Amino acid sequence: MFTILIVIFVFSMIVALSGALVPGPLLTYTIIKTLETSKRGYLVGFWVILGHALIEMIIIVGILMGFSVILTNHIVVKAIGTAGGAFLIYMGMDIVIKIIKRNYKT
């Protein structure tokens, strides 16, 4: 039983990391922060990868421990969707405000 969990864990980590390796917002963030950092910019990538891997590991462990049962509840799904949507609206409004104030680099 324990061996199966290890296999599932390793496979899940490989799948998660393969998704993280695809160019996207995380890569863009890493490149921008690396270029903005005058000293030790190479450490930015390390910290971004470490943070992403830790979050993925927490999610996988939660799923293996039965957290997925909670996520099947329609109220929880709606709450997560609403919170995510609200955060996207906040980020969009923040970008618009910064563009208006000319503080946002385009």
C-alpha atoms as a PDB file:
ATOM      1  CA  MET A   1       0.000   0.000   0.000  1.00  0.00           C
ATOM      2  CA  PHE A   2       2.782   2.409   0.943  1.00  0.00           C
ATOM      3  CA  THR A   3       4.641   1.650  -2.304  1.00  0.00           C
ATOM      4  CA  ILE A   4       1.563   2.564  -4.333  1.00  0.00           C
ATOM      5  CA  LEU A   5       1.331   5.905  -2.527  1.00  0.00           C
ATOM      6  CA  ILE A   6       4.977   6.639  -3.293  1.00  0.00           C
ATOM      7  CA  VAL A   7       4.443   5.795  -6.976  1.00  0.00           C
ATOM      8  CA  ILE A   8       1.359   8.040  -7.102  1.00  0.00           C
ATOM      9  CA  PHE A   9       3.260  10.822  -5.331  1.00  0.00           C
ATOM     10  CA  VAL A  10       6.246  10.644  -7.694  1.00  0.00           C
ATOM     11  CA  PHE A  11       4.011  10.467 -10.772  1.00  0.00           C
ATOM     12  CA  SER A  12       1.976  13.439  -9.525  1.00  0.00           C
ATOM     13  CA  MET A  13       5.114  15.479  -8.931  1.00  0.00           C
ATOM     14  CA  ILE A  14       6.368  14.709 -12.446  1.00  0.00           C
ATOM     15  CA  VAL A  15       3.039  15.738 -13.956  1.00  0.00           C
ATOM     16  CA  ALA A  16       2.930  18.914 -11.854  1.00  0.00           C
ATOM     17  CA  LEU A  17       6.485  19.886 -12.715  1.00  0.00           C
ATOM     18  CA  SER A  18       5.893  19.249 -16.402  1.00  0.00           C
ATOM     19  CA  GLY A  19       3.061  21.768 -16.201  1.00  0.00           C
ATOM     20  CA  ALA A  20       5.356  24.204 -14.438  1.00  0.00           C
ATOM     21  CA  LEU A  21       8.007  23.887 -17.140  1.00  0.00           C
ATOM     22  CA  VAL A  22       5.707  25.133 -19.898  1.00  0.00           C
ATOM     23  CA  PRO A  23       6.346  28.832 -20.612  1.00  0.00           C
ATOM     24  CA  GLY A  24       3.688  31.002 -19.052  1.00  0.00           C
ATOM     25  CA  PRO A  25       3.098  33.632 -16.378  1.00  0.00           C
ATOM     26  CA  LEU A  26       5.489  31.993 -13.924  1.00  0.00           C
ATOM     27  CA  LEU A  27       8.328  32.066 -16.453  1.00  0.00           C
ATOM     28  CA  THR A  28       7.530  35.680 -17.304  1.00  0.00           C
ATOM     29  CA  TYR A  29       7.578  36.622 -13.618  1.00  0.00           C
ATOM     30  CA  THR A  30      10.889  34.820 -13.112  1.00  0.00           C
ATOM     31  CA  ILE A  31      12.536  36.562 -16.070  1.00  0.00           C
ATOM     32  CA  ILE A  32      11.281  40.011 -15.040  1.00  0.00           C
ATOM     33  CA  LYS A  33      12.365  39.622 -11.410  1.00  0.00           C
ATOM     34  CA  THR A  34      15.744  38.202 -12.444  1.00  0.00           C
ATOM     35  CA  LEU A  35      16.401  41.203 -14.674  1.00  0.00           C
ATOM     36  CA  GLU A  36      15.191  43.662 -12.015  1.00  0.00           C
ATOM     37  CA  THR A  37      17.462  42.190  -9.343  1.00  0.00           C
ATOM     38  CA  SER A  38      20.883  43.801  -9.573  1.00  0.00           C
ATOM     39  CA  LYS A  39      22.701  41.341  -7.307  1.00  0.00           C
ATOM     40  CA  ARG A  40      22.150  37.598  -7.147  1.00  0.00           C
ATOM     41  CA  GLY A  41      19.404  37.559  -9.748  1.00  0.00           C
ATOM     42  CA  TYR A  42      20.092  33.877 -10.296  1.00  0.00           C
ATOM     43  CA  LEU A  43      18.511  33.134  -6.903  1.00  0.00           C
ATOM     44  CA  VAL A  44      15.115  34.364  -8.106  1.00  0.00           C
ATOM     45  CA  GLY A  45      14.625  31.228 -10.200  1.00  0.00           C
ATOM     46  CA  PHE A  46      15.536  29.006  -7.276  1.00  0.00           C
ATOM     47  CA  TRP A  47      12.999  30.647  -4.974  1.00  0.00           C
ATOM     48  CA  VAL A  48      10.251  30.615  -7.605  1.00  0.00           C
ATOM     49  CA  ILE A  49      10.809  26.911  -8.309  1.00  0.00           C
ATOM     50  CA  LEU A  50      10.954  26.088  -4.600  1.00  0.00           C
ATOM     51  CA  GLY A  51       7.736  27.975  -3.890  1.00  0.00           C
ATOM     52  CA  HIS A  52       5.905  26.363  -6.793  1.00  0.00           C
ATOM     53  CA  ALA A  53       7.114  22.872  -5.858  1.00  0.00           C
ATOM     54  CA  LEU A  54       6.041  23.342  -2.225  1.00  0.00           C
ATOM     55  CA  ILE A  55       2.551  24.436  -3.234  1.00  0.00           C
ATOM     56  CA  GLU A  56       2.231  21.481  -5.618  1.00  0.00           C
ATOM     57  CA  MET A  57       3.432  19.109  -2.899  1.00  0.00           C
ATOM     58  CA  ILE A  58       0.891  20.464  -0.405  1.00  0.00           C
ATOM     59  CA  ILE A  59      -1.910  20.050  -2.948  1.00  0.00           C
ATOM     60  CA  ILE A  60      -0.866  16.483  -3.804  1.00  0.00           C
ATOM     61  CA  VAL A  61      -0.565  15.470  -0.143  1.00  0.00           C
ATOM     62  CA  GLY A  62      -3.975  17.014   0.524  1.00  0.00           C
ATOM     63  CA  ILE A  63      -5.524  15.050  -2.316  1.00  0.00           C
ATOM     64  CA  LEU A  64      -3.880  11.828  -1.135  1.00  0.00           C
ATOM     65  CA  MET A  65      -5.194  12.430   2.390  1.00  0.00           C
ATOM     66  CA  GLY A  66      -8.766  12.771   1.164  1.00  0.00           C
ATOM     67  CA  PHE A  67      -9.054  16.523   0.731  1.00  0.00           C
ATOM     68  CA  SER A  68     -10.647  15.911  -2.664  1.00  0.00           C
ATOM     69  CA  VAL A  69     -13.868  14.907  -0.865  1.00  0.00           C
ATOM     70  CA  ILE A  70     -14.200  18.492   0.367  1.00  0.00           C
ATOM     71  CA  LEU A  71     -13.606  19.847  -3.133  1.00  0.00           C
ATOM     72  CA  THR A  72     -16.571  17.902  -4.516  1.00  0.00           C
ATOM     73  CA  ASN A  73     -18.957  19.969  -2.380  1.00  0.00           C
ATOM     74  CA  HIS A  74     -20.684  22.475  -4.676  1.00  0.00           C
ATOM     75  CA  ILE A  75     -20.598  25.211  -2.016  1.00  0.00           C
ATOM     76  CA  VAL A  76     -16.819  24.893  -1.674  1.00  0.00           C
ATOM     77  CA  VAL A  77     -16.384  24.918  -5.459  1.00  0.00           C
ATOM     78  CA  LYS A  78     -18.520  28.069  -5.752  1.00  0.00           C
ATOM     79  CA  ALA A  79     -16.608  29.751  -2.909  1.00  0.00           C
ATOM     80  CA  ILE A  80     -13.245  28.988  -4.521  1.00  0.00           C
ATOM     81  CA  GLY A  81     -14.521  30.164  -7.908  1.00  0.00           C
ATOM     82  CA  THR A  82     -15.909  33.376  -6.443  1.00  0.00           C
ATOM     83  CA  ALA A  83     -12.687  34.105  -4.554  1.00  0.00           C
ATOM     84  CA  GLY A  84     -10.617  33.415  -7.670  1.00  0.00           C
ATOM     85  CA  GLY A  85     -12.852  35.602  -9.814  1.00  0.00           C
ATOM     86  CA  ALA A  86     -12.709  38.422  -7.276  1.00  0.00           C
ATOM     87  CA  PHE A  87      -8.917  38.202  -7.213  1.00  0.00           C
ATOM     88  CA  LEU A  88      -8.750  38.346 -11.023  1.00  0.00           C
ATOM     89  CA  ILE A  89     -10.973  41.437 -10.987  1.00  0.00           C
ATOM     90  CA  TYR A  90      -8.718  43.004  -8.338  1.00  0.00           C
ATOM     91  CA  MET A  91      -5.586  42.320 -10.404  1.00  0.00           C
ATOM     92  CA  GLY A  92      -7.219  43.750 -13.529  1.00  0.00           C
ATOM     93  CA  MET A  93      -8.350  46.886 -11.720  1.00  0.00           C
ATOM     94  CA  ASP A  94      -4.884  47.290 -10.207  1.00  0.00           C
ATOM     95  CA  ILE A  95      -3.277  47.170 -13.658  1.00  0.00           C
ATOM     96  CA  VAL A  96      -5.769  49.703 -15.032  1.00  0.00           C
ATOM     97  CA  ILE A  97      -5.134  52.061 -12.097  1.00  0.00           C
ATOM     98  CA  LYS A  98      -1.358  51.767 -12.530  1.00  0.00           C
ATOM     99  CA  ILE A  99      -1.636  52.448 -16.263  1.00  0.00           C
ATOM    100  CA  ILE A 100      -3.744  55.530 -15.552  1.00  0.00           C
ATOM    101  CA  LYS A 101      -1.164  56.737 -13.024  1.00  0.00           C
ATOM    102  CA  ARG A 102       1.649  55.824 -15.474  1.00  0.00           C
ATOM    103  CA  ASN A 103       3.386  53.674 -12.868  1.00  0.00           C
ATOM    104  CA  TYR A 104       2.998  50.467 -14.853  1.00  0.00           C
ATOM    105  CA  LYS A 105       5.774  49.497 -17.266  1.00  0.00           C
ATOM    106  CA  THR A 106       4.317  48.395 -20.596  1.00  0.00           C
END
